[in-house]
N, C-alpha and C. Protein backbone atom coordinates (compact mmCIF):
# COMPACT_ATOMS: atom_id res chain seq x y z
N MET A 1 6.87 -13.18 10.47
CA MET A 1 6.42 -13.21 9.09
C MET A 1 7.39 -12.40 8.23
N ASP A 2 7.68 -12.92 7.06
CA ASP A 2 8.50 -12.22 6.09
C ASP A 2 7.65 -11.10 5.48
N GLU A 3 7.88 -9.85 5.92
CA GLU A 3 7.03 -8.74 5.50
C GLU A 3 7.14 -8.42 4.02
N ALA A 4 8.34 -8.55 3.45
CA ALA A 4 8.50 -8.29 2.01
C ALA A 4 7.68 -9.31 1.21
N ALA A 5 7.73 -10.56 1.61
CA ALA A 5 6.94 -11.60 0.94
C ALA A 5 5.45 -11.34 1.13
N TYR A 6 5.08 -10.88 2.32
CA TYR A 6 3.67 -10.57 2.56
C TYR A 6 3.19 -9.45 1.63
N ALA A 7 3.98 -8.39 1.47
CA ALA A 7 3.59 -7.29 0.58
C ALA A 7 3.39 -7.79 -0.85
N LEU A 8 4.27 -8.70 -1.29
CA LEU A 8 4.13 -9.28 -2.63
C LEU A 8 2.86 -10.12 -2.72
N LEU A 9 2.63 -10.97 -1.73
CA LEU A 9 1.44 -11.81 -1.73
C LEU A 9 0.17 -10.97 -1.63
N LEU A 10 0.22 -9.87 -0.90
CA LEU A 10 -0.92 -8.96 -0.82
C LEU A 10 -1.26 -8.41 -2.20
N GLY A 11 -0.25 -8.03 -2.96
CA GLY A 11 -0.49 -7.56 -4.33
C GLY A 11 -1.14 -8.63 -5.19
N TRP A 12 -0.62 -9.85 -5.11
CA TRP A 12 -1.22 -10.96 -5.87
C TRP A 12 -2.66 -11.20 -5.42
N TYR A 13 -2.89 -11.19 -4.11
CA TYR A 13 -4.24 -11.42 -3.58
C TYR A 13 -5.21 -10.34 -4.06
N LEU A 14 -4.82 -9.07 -3.96
CA LEU A 14 -5.71 -7.99 -4.38
C LEU A 14 -6.03 -8.08 -5.86
N GLY A 15 -5.08 -8.56 -6.65
CA GLY A 15 -5.32 -8.69 -8.09
C GLY A 15 -6.09 -9.94 -8.45
N ASP A 16 -5.48 -11.09 -8.27
CA ASP A 16 -6.07 -12.34 -8.74
C ASP A 16 -6.25 -13.38 -7.65
N GLY A 17 -6.46 -12.93 -6.43
CA GLY A 17 -6.60 -13.87 -5.33
C GLY A 17 -7.99 -13.89 -4.73
N SER A 18 -8.24 -14.95 -4.00
CA SER A 18 -9.49 -15.08 -3.24
C SER A 18 -9.24 -16.03 -2.08
N ILE A 19 -10.17 -16.01 -1.15
CA ILE A 19 -10.12 -16.93 -0.01
C ILE A 19 -11.47 -17.62 0.06
N ALA A 20 -11.43 -18.94 0.12
CA ALA A 20 -12.66 -19.74 0.19
C ALA A 20 -12.69 -20.49 1.52
N LYS A 21 -13.86 -20.59 2.09
CA LYS A 21 -14.01 -21.34 3.33
C LYS A 21 -14.05 -22.83 3.00
N ALA A 22 -13.24 -23.58 3.71
CA ALA A 22 -13.22 -25.04 3.56
C ALA A 22 -13.87 -25.64 4.80
N ARG A 23 -13.55 -26.88 5.10
CA ARG A 23 -14.15 -27.55 6.27
C ARG A 23 -13.38 -27.25 7.55
N ARG A 24 -14.08 -27.41 8.67
CA ARG A 24 -13.50 -27.32 10.01
C ARG A 24 -12.78 -26.00 10.29
N GLY A 25 -13.32 -24.90 9.80
CA GLY A 25 -12.75 -23.60 10.09
C GLY A 25 -11.47 -23.28 9.34
N VAL A 26 -11.16 -24.06 8.32
CA VAL A 26 -9.97 -23.84 7.52
C VAL A 26 -10.37 -23.03 6.29
N PHE A 27 -9.46 -22.19 5.82
CA PHE A 27 -9.70 -21.39 4.62
C PHE A 27 -8.64 -21.72 3.58
N THR A 28 -9.00 -21.55 2.32
CA THR A 28 -8.08 -21.80 1.22
C THR A 28 -7.78 -20.50 0.49
N LEU A 29 -6.50 -20.10 0.53
CA LEU A 29 -6.04 -18.96 -0.27
C LEU A 29 -5.83 -19.48 -1.67
N GLN A 30 -6.36 -18.77 -2.66
CA GLN A 30 -6.21 -19.17 -4.06
C GLN A 30 -5.70 -17.98 -4.86
N ILE A 31 -4.60 -18.18 -5.58
CA ILE A 31 -4.07 -17.17 -6.49
C ILE A 31 -4.09 -17.79 -7.88
N VAL A 32 -4.76 -17.14 -8.81
CA VAL A 32 -4.89 -17.66 -10.18
C VAL A 32 -3.97 -16.86 -11.09
N ASN A 33 -3.23 -17.56 -11.94
CA ASN A 33 -2.33 -16.91 -12.89
C ASN A 33 -2.30 -17.72 -14.19
N ASP A 34 -1.97 -17.05 -15.26
CA ASP A 34 -1.87 -17.70 -16.57
C ASP A 34 -0.77 -18.76 -16.53
N GLN A 35 -1.05 -19.93 -17.09
CA GLN A 35 -0.06 -21.01 -17.05
C GLN A 35 1.15 -20.75 -17.94
N LYS A 36 1.07 -19.75 -18.83
CA LYS A 36 2.22 -19.48 -19.71
C LYS A 36 3.34 -18.72 -19.00
N TYR A 37 3.17 -18.45 -17.69
CA TYR A 37 4.20 -17.75 -16.91
C TYR A 37 4.72 -18.65 -15.79
N PRO A 38 5.52 -19.66 -16.12
CA PRO A 38 5.98 -20.61 -15.10
C PRO A 38 6.82 -19.96 -14.00
N ASP A 39 7.62 -18.95 -14.35
CA ASP A 39 8.44 -18.30 -13.32
C ASP A 39 7.56 -17.58 -12.30
N LEU A 40 6.52 -16.90 -12.77
CA LEU A 40 5.62 -16.21 -11.85
C LEU A 40 4.81 -17.20 -11.03
N ASN A 41 4.40 -18.30 -11.62
CA ASN A 41 3.67 -19.32 -10.85
C ASN A 41 4.55 -19.92 -9.77
N ARG A 42 5.82 -20.09 -10.07
CA ARG A 42 6.77 -20.58 -9.06
C ARG A 42 6.95 -19.51 -7.96
N GLU A 43 6.98 -18.23 -8.38
CA GLU A 43 7.11 -17.14 -7.41
C GLU A 43 5.92 -17.11 -6.44
N ILE A 44 4.72 -17.32 -6.96
CA ILE A 44 3.53 -17.35 -6.11
C ILE A 44 3.67 -18.49 -5.08
N PHE A 45 4.05 -19.67 -5.56
CA PHE A 45 4.24 -20.85 -4.70
C PHE A 45 5.24 -20.54 -3.59
N GLU A 46 6.40 -20.00 -3.98
CA GLU A 46 7.46 -19.73 -3.01
C GLU A 46 7.09 -18.60 -2.06
N THR A 47 6.34 -17.62 -2.54
CA THR A 47 5.93 -16.50 -1.69
C THR A 47 4.96 -16.97 -0.62
N ILE A 48 4.05 -17.84 -0.98
CA ILE A 48 3.14 -18.41 0.02
C ILE A 48 3.95 -19.12 1.10
N LYS A 49 4.97 -19.87 0.70
CA LYS A 49 5.81 -20.59 1.67
C LYS A 49 6.58 -19.62 2.57
N LEU A 50 6.99 -18.47 2.02
CA LEU A 50 7.70 -17.49 2.84
C LEU A 50 6.76 -16.83 3.86
N VAL A 51 5.52 -16.60 3.47
CA VAL A 51 4.54 -15.99 4.38
C VAL A 51 4.10 -16.99 5.43
N LYS A 52 3.88 -18.24 5.03
CA LYS A 52 3.49 -19.31 5.97
C LYS A 52 4.41 -20.50 5.72
N PRO A 53 5.54 -20.55 6.41
CA PRO A 53 6.56 -21.59 6.15
C PRO A 53 6.05 -23.02 6.24
N THR A 54 5.02 -23.29 7.02
CA THR A 54 4.52 -24.66 7.12
C THR A 54 3.44 -24.97 6.07
N ALA A 55 3.18 -24.03 5.19
CA ALA A 55 2.16 -24.26 4.16
C ALA A 55 2.63 -25.30 3.15
N SER A 56 1.67 -25.96 2.54
CA SER A 56 1.94 -26.89 1.44
C SER A 56 1.14 -26.40 0.23
N PRO A 57 1.65 -25.35 -0.45
CA PRO A 57 0.90 -24.85 -1.59
C PRO A 57 0.71 -25.93 -2.65
N CYS A 58 -0.42 -25.89 -3.28
CA CYS A 58 -0.77 -26.90 -4.28
C CYS A 58 -1.18 -26.21 -5.58
N PRO A 59 -0.35 -26.33 -6.64
CA PRO A 59 -0.75 -25.75 -7.92
C PRO A 59 -1.75 -26.68 -8.63
N ARG A 60 -2.86 -26.11 -9.06
CA ARG A 60 -3.89 -26.88 -9.77
C ARG A 60 -4.10 -26.27 -11.14
N LYS A 61 -4.10 -27.14 -12.15
CA LYS A 61 -4.29 -26.67 -13.53
C LYS A 61 -5.77 -26.48 -13.82
N GLY A 62 -6.05 -25.39 -14.52
CA GLY A 62 -7.38 -25.13 -15.04
C GLY A 62 -7.23 -24.79 -16.51
N PRO A 63 -8.30 -24.42 -17.18
CA PRO A 63 -8.19 -24.06 -18.59
C PRO A 63 -7.30 -22.83 -18.78
N GLY A 64 -6.05 -23.04 -19.16
CA GLY A 64 -5.11 -21.96 -19.41
C GLY A 64 -4.55 -21.29 -18.17
N THR A 65 -4.88 -21.81 -16.98
CA THR A 65 -4.45 -21.17 -15.74
C THR A 65 -3.81 -22.17 -14.78
N ILE A 66 -3.10 -21.60 -13.82
CA ILE A 66 -2.62 -22.34 -12.65
C ILE A 66 -3.24 -21.65 -11.44
N ARG A 67 -3.92 -22.40 -10.63
CA ARG A 67 -4.49 -21.87 -9.38
C ARG A 67 -3.66 -22.46 -8.24
N THR A 68 -2.88 -21.61 -7.60
CA THR A 68 -2.05 -22.06 -6.48
C THR A 68 -2.85 -21.86 -5.20
N GLU A 69 -3.03 -22.97 -4.47
CA GLU A 69 -3.86 -22.96 -3.27
C GLU A 69 -3.04 -23.35 -2.04
N ALA A 70 -3.42 -22.78 -0.92
CA ALA A 70 -2.83 -23.17 0.36
C ALA A 70 -3.90 -23.02 1.43
N ARG A 71 -3.98 -24.01 2.32
CA ARG A 71 -5.00 -24.00 3.38
C ARG A 71 -4.40 -23.56 4.70
N TRP A 72 -5.23 -22.81 5.44
CA TRP A 72 -4.81 -22.35 6.76
C TRP A 72 -6.00 -21.68 7.43
N LYS A 73 -6.10 -21.81 8.72
CA LYS A 73 -7.21 -21.19 9.45
C LYS A 73 -7.10 -19.67 9.49
N HIS A 74 -5.90 -19.15 9.34
CA HIS A 74 -5.68 -17.73 9.59
C HIS A 74 -5.52 -16.85 8.34
N TRP A 75 -5.83 -17.36 7.15
CA TRP A 75 -5.74 -16.50 5.96
C TRP A 75 -6.61 -15.24 6.10
N PRO A 76 -7.84 -15.33 6.63
CA PRO A 76 -8.63 -14.09 6.78
C PRO A 76 -7.98 -13.08 7.74
N CYS A 77 -7.16 -13.54 8.67
CA CYS A 77 -6.45 -12.61 9.56
C CYS A 77 -5.38 -11.84 8.77
N LEU A 78 -4.70 -12.53 7.86
CA LEU A 78 -3.66 -11.89 7.06
C LEU A 78 -4.25 -11.05 5.92
N PHE A 79 -5.44 -11.39 5.49
CA PHE A 79 -6.11 -10.66 4.41
C PHE A 79 -7.50 -10.26 4.88
N PRO A 80 -7.58 -9.25 5.77
CA PRO A 80 -8.88 -8.84 6.31
C PRO A 80 -9.81 -8.25 5.24
N GLN A 81 -9.31 -8.06 4.03
CA GLN A 81 -10.14 -7.60 2.92
C GLN A 81 -11.07 -8.71 2.43
N HIS A 82 -10.83 -9.92 2.89
CA HIS A 82 -11.65 -11.07 2.52
C HIS A 82 -13.10 -10.81 2.90
N GLY A 83 -13.99 -11.23 2.05
CA GLY A 83 -15.42 -11.09 2.33
C GLY A 83 -16.22 -11.70 1.21
N PRO A 84 -17.53 -11.74 1.38
CA PRO A 84 -18.37 -12.33 0.34
C PRO A 84 -18.46 -11.44 -0.90
N GLY A 85 -18.58 -12.06 -2.03
CA GLY A 85 -18.78 -11.32 -3.27
C GLY A 85 -17.49 -10.83 -3.91
N MET A 86 -17.66 -10.18 -5.04
CA MET A 86 -16.52 -9.68 -5.82
C MET A 86 -15.89 -8.47 -5.14
N LYS A 87 -14.56 -8.36 -5.26
CA LYS A 87 -13.84 -7.29 -4.58
C LYS A 87 -14.29 -5.90 -5.04
N HIS A 88 -14.64 -5.76 -6.31
CA HIS A 88 -15.01 -4.42 -6.79
C HIS A 88 -16.40 -3.99 -6.32
N LEU A 89 -17.14 -4.89 -5.70
CA LEU A 89 -18.47 -4.55 -5.19
C LEU A 89 -18.48 -4.31 -3.68
N ARG A 90 -17.30 -4.37 -3.06
CA ARG A 90 -17.23 -4.12 -1.62
C ARG A 90 -16.02 -3.25 -1.31
N LYS A 91 -16.01 -2.68 -0.14
CA LYS A 91 -14.93 -1.79 0.29
C LYS A 91 -13.66 -2.60 0.51
N ILE A 92 -12.56 -2.12 -0.06
CA ILE A 92 -11.25 -2.74 0.13
C ILE A 92 -10.33 -1.67 0.70
N GLU A 93 -9.93 -1.85 1.94
CA GLU A 93 -9.02 -0.92 2.60
C GLU A 93 -7.91 -1.70 3.27
N LEU A 94 -6.72 -1.12 3.28
CA LEU A 94 -5.64 -1.72 4.03
C LEU A 94 -5.77 -1.31 5.49
N THR A 95 -5.46 -2.23 6.38
CA THR A 95 -5.44 -1.91 7.81
C THR A 95 -4.16 -1.13 8.11
N ASP A 96 -4.07 -0.59 9.31
CA ASP A 96 -2.87 0.16 9.69
C ASP A 96 -1.62 -0.69 9.58
N TRP A 97 -1.66 -1.94 10.06
CA TRP A 97 -0.46 -2.79 10.01
C TRP A 97 -0.10 -3.14 8.57
N GLN A 98 -1.09 -3.28 7.68
CA GLN A 98 -0.79 -3.54 6.28
C GLN A 98 -0.15 -2.32 5.62
N ARG A 99 -0.67 -1.12 5.95
CA ARG A 99 -0.10 0.11 5.41
C ARG A 99 1.36 0.27 5.84
N GLU A 100 1.67 -0.12 7.08
CA GLU A 100 3.06 -0.05 7.55
C GLU A 100 3.96 -0.97 6.74
N ILE A 101 3.50 -2.16 6.45
CA ILE A 101 4.28 -3.11 5.65
C ILE A 101 4.45 -2.58 4.23
N VAL A 102 3.38 -2.09 3.63
CA VAL A 102 3.44 -1.55 2.26
C VAL A 102 4.37 -0.34 2.21
N ALA A 103 4.38 0.49 3.25
CA ALA A 103 5.28 1.64 3.29
C ALA A 103 6.74 1.20 3.28
N LYS A 104 7.03 0.04 3.89
CA LYS A 104 8.39 -0.50 3.91
C LYS A 104 8.74 -1.22 2.62
N TYR A 105 7.75 -1.85 1.98
CA TYR A 105 8.00 -2.69 0.81
C TYR A 105 7.05 -2.34 -0.34
N PRO A 106 7.03 -1.08 -0.77
CA PRO A 106 6.10 -0.70 -1.84
C PRO A 106 6.38 -1.41 -3.16
N GLU A 107 7.66 -1.67 -3.43
CA GLU A 107 8.01 -2.35 -4.69
C GLU A 107 7.39 -3.74 -4.76
N GLN A 108 7.38 -4.43 -3.64
CA GLN A 108 6.82 -5.79 -3.61
C GLN A 108 5.32 -5.76 -3.87
N LEU A 109 4.61 -4.84 -3.24
CA LEU A 109 3.17 -4.73 -3.50
C LEU A 109 2.92 -4.44 -4.97
N LEU A 110 3.65 -3.49 -5.54
CA LEU A 110 3.45 -3.15 -6.95
C LEU A 110 3.78 -4.33 -7.87
N ARG A 111 4.80 -5.08 -7.53
CA ARG A 111 5.13 -6.26 -8.34
C ARG A 111 3.95 -7.24 -8.37
N GLY A 112 3.37 -7.52 -7.21
CA GLY A 112 2.22 -8.42 -7.16
C GLY A 112 1.03 -7.87 -7.91
N LEU A 113 0.75 -6.59 -7.75
CA LEU A 113 -0.40 -5.99 -8.44
C LEU A 113 -0.21 -6.00 -9.96
N PHE A 114 0.95 -5.54 -10.44
CA PHE A 114 1.17 -5.48 -11.90
C PHE A 114 1.25 -6.87 -12.52
N HIS A 115 1.82 -7.84 -11.80
CA HIS A 115 1.89 -9.18 -12.39
C HIS A 115 0.55 -9.91 -12.32
N SER A 116 -0.35 -9.46 -11.46
CA SER A 116 -1.67 -10.11 -11.42
C SER A 116 -2.64 -9.44 -12.39
N ASP A 117 -2.82 -8.15 -12.26
CA ASP A 117 -3.81 -7.44 -13.08
C ASP A 117 -3.19 -6.39 -14.00
N GLY A 118 -1.95 -6.59 -14.35
CA GLY A 118 -1.29 -5.61 -15.19
C GLY A 118 -0.50 -6.24 -16.30
N CYS A 119 0.14 -5.38 -17.09
CA CYS A 119 0.99 -5.87 -18.17
C CYS A 119 2.01 -4.79 -18.52
N ARG A 120 3.03 -5.20 -19.24
CA ARG A 120 4.07 -4.32 -19.78
C ARG A 120 4.07 -4.58 -21.28
N PHE A 121 3.94 -3.53 -22.06
CA PHE A 121 3.87 -3.72 -23.51
C PHE A 121 4.42 -2.50 -24.22
N VAL A 122 4.61 -2.65 -25.53
CA VAL A 122 5.06 -1.53 -26.37
C VAL A 122 3.83 -0.85 -26.93
N ASN A 123 3.69 0.43 -26.64
CA ASN A 123 2.56 1.23 -27.12
C ASN A 123 3.07 2.15 -28.23
N TRP A 124 2.18 2.77 -28.94
CA TRP A 124 2.60 3.71 -29.97
C TRP A 124 1.68 4.94 -29.94
N ALA A 125 2.21 6.01 -30.47
CA ALA A 125 1.44 7.25 -30.60
C ALA A 125 1.85 7.90 -31.92
N SER A 126 0.98 8.71 -32.46
CA SER A 126 1.27 9.41 -33.72
C SER A 126 1.61 10.87 -33.45
N LYS A 127 2.60 11.35 -34.18
CA LYS A 127 2.95 12.76 -34.12
C LYS A 127 2.10 13.51 -35.14
N ALA A 128 2.17 14.83 -35.10
CA ALA A 128 1.37 15.66 -36.01
C ALA A 128 1.68 15.37 -37.48
N ASP A 129 2.92 14.98 -37.76
CA ASP A 129 3.28 14.68 -39.16
C ASP A 129 2.87 13.28 -39.60
N GLY A 130 2.20 12.53 -38.70
CA GLY A 130 1.70 11.20 -39.04
C GLY A 130 2.66 10.08 -38.70
N LYS A 131 3.88 10.39 -38.31
CA LYS A 131 4.84 9.35 -37.96
C LYS A 131 4.50 8.78 -36.59
N ARG A 132 4.72 7.49 -36.45
CA ARG A 132 4.49 6.83 -35.17
C ARG A 132 5.79 6.75 -34.38
N TYR A 133 5.63 6.85 -33.08
CA TYR A 133 6.77 6.53 -32.22
C TYR A 133 6.29 5.51 -31.18
N TYR A 134 7.22 4.67 -30.76
CA TYR A 134 6.90 3.54 -29.89
C TYR A 134 7.60 3.72 -28.54
N TYR A 135 6.92 3.27 -27.49
CA TYR A 135 7.47 3.37 -26.15
C TYR A 135 6.88 2.25 -25.29
N VAL A 136 7.61 1.88 -24.24
CA VAL A 136 7.16 0.85 -23.31
C VAL A 136 6.20 1.49 -22.31
N ARG A 137 5.17 0.74 -21.97
CA ARG A 137 4.15 1.23 -21.04
C ARG A 137 3.73 0.10 -20.11
N TYR A 138 3.45 0.45 -18.87
CA TYR A 138 2.81 -0.48 -17.93
C TYR A 138 1.35 -0.08 -17.82
N MET A 139 0.48 -1.08 -17.79
CA MET A 139 -0.95 -0.83 -17.64
C MET A 139 -1.49 -1.76 -16.56
N PHE A 140 -2.31 -1.20 -15.68
CA PHE A 140 -2.97 -1.97 -14.63
C PHE A 140 -4.46 -1.77 -14.81
N SER A 141 -5.21 -2.87 -14.81
CA SER A 141 -6.65 -2.79 -15.00
C SER A 141 -7.35 -3.58 -13.90
N ASN A 142 -8.24 -2.89 -13.18
CA ASN A 142 -8.99 -3.54 -12.11
C ASN A 142 -10.28 -2.76 -11.92
N GLU A 143 -11.38 -3.45 -11.72
CA GLU A 143 -12.69 -2.80 -11.57
C GLU A 143 -12.86 -2.12 -10.22
N SER A 144 -12.05 -2.46 -9.23
CA SER A 144 -12.19 -1.90 -7.89
C SER A 144 -11.53 -0.52 -7.80
N VAL A 145 -12.32 0.49 -7.48
CA VAL A 145 -11.79 1.83 -7.26
C VAL A 145 -10.78 1.79 -6.11
N ASP A 146 -11.08 1.02 -5.07
CA ASP A 146 -10.22 0.94 -3.90
C ASP A 146 -8.87 0.31 -4.22
N ILE A 147 -8.86 -0.75 -5.00
CA ILE A 147 -7.60 -1.41 -5.36
C ILE A 147 -6.78 -0.50 -6.28
N ARG A 148 -7.44 0.19 -7.21
CA ARG A 148 -6.71 1.15 -8.05
C ARG A 148 -6.10 2.25 -7.18
N LYS A 149 -6.80 2.67 -6.14
CA LYS A 149 -6.27 3.72 -5.25
C LYS A 149 -5.07 3.19 -4.45
N ILE A 150 -5.12 1.95 -4.01
CA ILE A 150 -3.96 1.36 -3.32
C ILE A 150 -2.76 1.39 -4.25
N LEU A 151 -2.98 1.04 -5.52
CA LEU A 151 -1.89 1.06 -6.51
C LEU A 151 -1.37 2.48 -6.70
N THR A 152 -2.26 3.45 -6.94
CA THR A 152 -1.80 4.81 -7.22
C THR A 152 -1.16 5.46 -5.99
N ASP A 153 -1.66 5.18 -4.81
CA ASP A 153 -1.02 5.70 -3.60
C ASP A 153 0.41 5.17 -3.48
N THR A 154 0.60 3.91 -3.83
CA THR A 154 1.93 3.30 -3.75
C THR A 154 2.85 3.87 -4.83
N LEU A 155 2.32 4.08 -6.03
CA LEU A 155 3.11 4.73 -7.08
C LEU A 155 3.51 6.14 -6.63
N ASP A 156 2.57 6.87 -6.04
CA ASP A 156 2.87 8.22 -5.53
C ASP A 156 3.97 8.17 -4.47
N GLN A 157 3.92 7.18 -3.59
CA GLN A 157 4.94 7.04 -2.55
C GLN A 157 6.33 6.94 -3.16
N LEU A 158 6.43 6.25 -4.30
CA LEU A 158 7.72 6.07 -4.97
C LEU A 158 8.03 7.18 -5.97
N GLY A 159 7.12 8.14 -6.12
CA GLY A 159 7.35 9.24 -7.06
C GLY A 159 7.24 8.81 -8.51
N ILE A 160 6.46 7.78 -8.79
CA ILE A 160 6.27 7.28 -10.16
C ILE A 160 5.00 7.91 -10.73
N ALA A 161 5.17 8.67 -11.81
CA ALA A 161 4.03 9.35 -12.45
C ALA A 161 3.12 8.33 -13.12
N TRP A 162 1.82 8.57 -13.01
CA TRP A 162 0.82 7.68 -13.60
C TRP A 162 -0.32 8.54 -14.12
N ARG A 163 -1.14 7.93 -14.95
CA ARG A 163 -2.37 8.58 -15.39
C ARG A 163 -3.45 7.52 -15.54
N GLN A 164 -4.69 7.97 -15.69
CA GLN A 164 -5.83 7.06 -15.79
C GLN A 164 -6.44 7.24 -17.19
N PRO A 165 -6.02 6.40 -18.16
CA PRO A 165 -6.52 6.56 -19.53
C PRO A 165 -7.98 6.15 -19.71
N ARG A 166 -8.47 5.31 -18.84
CA ARG A 166 -9.89 4.95 -18.85
C ARG A 166 -10.31 4.63 -17.42
N LEU A 167 -11.59 4.50 -17.20
CA LEU A 167 -12.14 4.39 -15.86
C LEU A 167 -11.51 3.30 -15.01
N ASN A 168 -11.24 2.12 -15.59
CA ASN A 168 -10.74 1.00 -14.79
C ASN A 168 -9.25 0.72 -14.97
N ALA A 169 -8.50 1.69 -15.51
CA ALA A 169 -7.09 1.43 -15.82
C ALA A 169 -6.17 2.54 -15.34
N ILE A 170 -4.97 2.14 -14.96
CA ILE A 170 -3.90 3.06 -14.57
C ILE A 170 -2.71 2.75 -15.47
N ALA A 171 -2.09 3.79 -16.03
CA ALA A 171 -0.95 3.60 -16.93
C ALA A 171 0.28 4.33 -16.40
N VAL A 172 1.43 3.70 -16.58
CA VAL A 172 2.72 4.34 -16.33
C VAL A 172 3.44 4.33 -17.66
N SER A 173 3.66 5.53 -18.23
CA SER A 173 4.21 5.63 -19.58
C SER A 173 5.49 6.45 -19.65
N ARG A 174 5.73 7.30 -18.68
CA ARG A 174 6.94 8.14 -18.73
C ARG A 174 8.17 7.28 -18.56
N LYS A 175 9.20 7.66 -19.28
CA LYS A 175 10.44 6.88 -19.33
C LYS A 175 10.99 6.58 -17.93
N GLU A 176 10.98 7.59 -17.04
CA GLU A 176 11.53 7.40 -15.69
C GLU A 176 10.70 6.40 -14.89
N GLY A 177 9.37 6.50 -15.02
CA GLY A 177 8.49 5.59 -14.31
C GLY A 177 8.61 4.17 -14.81
N VAL A 178 8.69 4.01 -16.12
CA VAL A 178 8.86 2.68 -16.72
C VAL A 178 10.19 2.08 -16.27
N ALA A 179 11.25 2.90 -16.27
CA ALA A 179 12.57 2.40 -15.83
C ALA A 179 12.51 1.96 -14.37
N ALA A 180 11.82 2.74 -13.53
CA ALA A 180 11.70 2.36 -12.12
C ALA A 180 10.96 1.02 -11.99
N LEU A 181 9.81 0.87 -12.68
CA LEU A 181 9.06 -0.39 -12.61
C LEU A 181 9.85 -1.55 -13.20
N ASP A 182 10.63 -1.28 -14.24
CA ASP A 182 11.45 -2.35 -14.81
C ASP A 182 12.45 -2.89 -13.79
N GLY A 183 12.82 -2.07 -12.82
CA GLY A 183 13.78 -2.50 -11.80
C GLY A 183 13.24 -3.53 -10.83
N PHE A 184 11.91 -3.58 -10.64
CA PHE A 184 11.37 -4.55 -9.68
C PHE A 184 10.11 -5.26 -10.16
N VAL A 185 9.52 -4.84 -11.26
CA VAL A 185 8.37 -5.57 -11.82
C VAL A 185 8.84 -6.32 -13.05
N GLY A 186 9.16 -5.61 -14.10
CA GLY A 186 9.68 -6.21 -15.33
C GLY A 186 8.62 -7.00 -16.08
N PRO A 187 9.01 -7.54 -17.25
CA PRO A 187 8.09 -8.33 -18.05
C PRO A 187 7.67 -9.61 -17.35
N LYS A 188 6.52 -10.12 -17.72
CA LYS A 188 6.05 -11.40 -17.16
C LYS A 188 6.86 -12.54 -17.78
N SER A 189 7.11 -13.56 -16.95
CA SER A 189 7.85 -14.73 -17.47
C SER A 189 7.40 -15.99 -16.75
């Protein structure tokens, strides 16, 4: 298995992915993304192929989205976080073998997480004299405490400073952290 591709796909799965049971013991991995990002939708397609070379990913259009699907009996083996219900209502933990892969490819996991449930934008703040200054910021928003912890642990591994501006969000705003994320996450396209 291409471990770097797996780390990326794990990020996408934790953010905007799910696994549905199909017929005859087969499961369908589904990653949903906004259709206005054709490069990222192509990346999801190609990443699935790198993780499972014999897969035939199928992009399906929905209202404003592309849902890239691939069938395989072993998706729950690769994503043991799979389970009934919404991810934020159940425990999400990486297994030892997943942690080993993420330790080797933290940038790939962060790319998948930020491109699924995050954004890069220009923020502003006011100084005491009333003047505004503008800066680039990354924001990640997810209702799962466990998924936010996976993100922050990975940021900590890379020495990227972060803060939690609200309960369900993680922000990277310092110039060095933004520059680091720009090197492997970058704007959506």
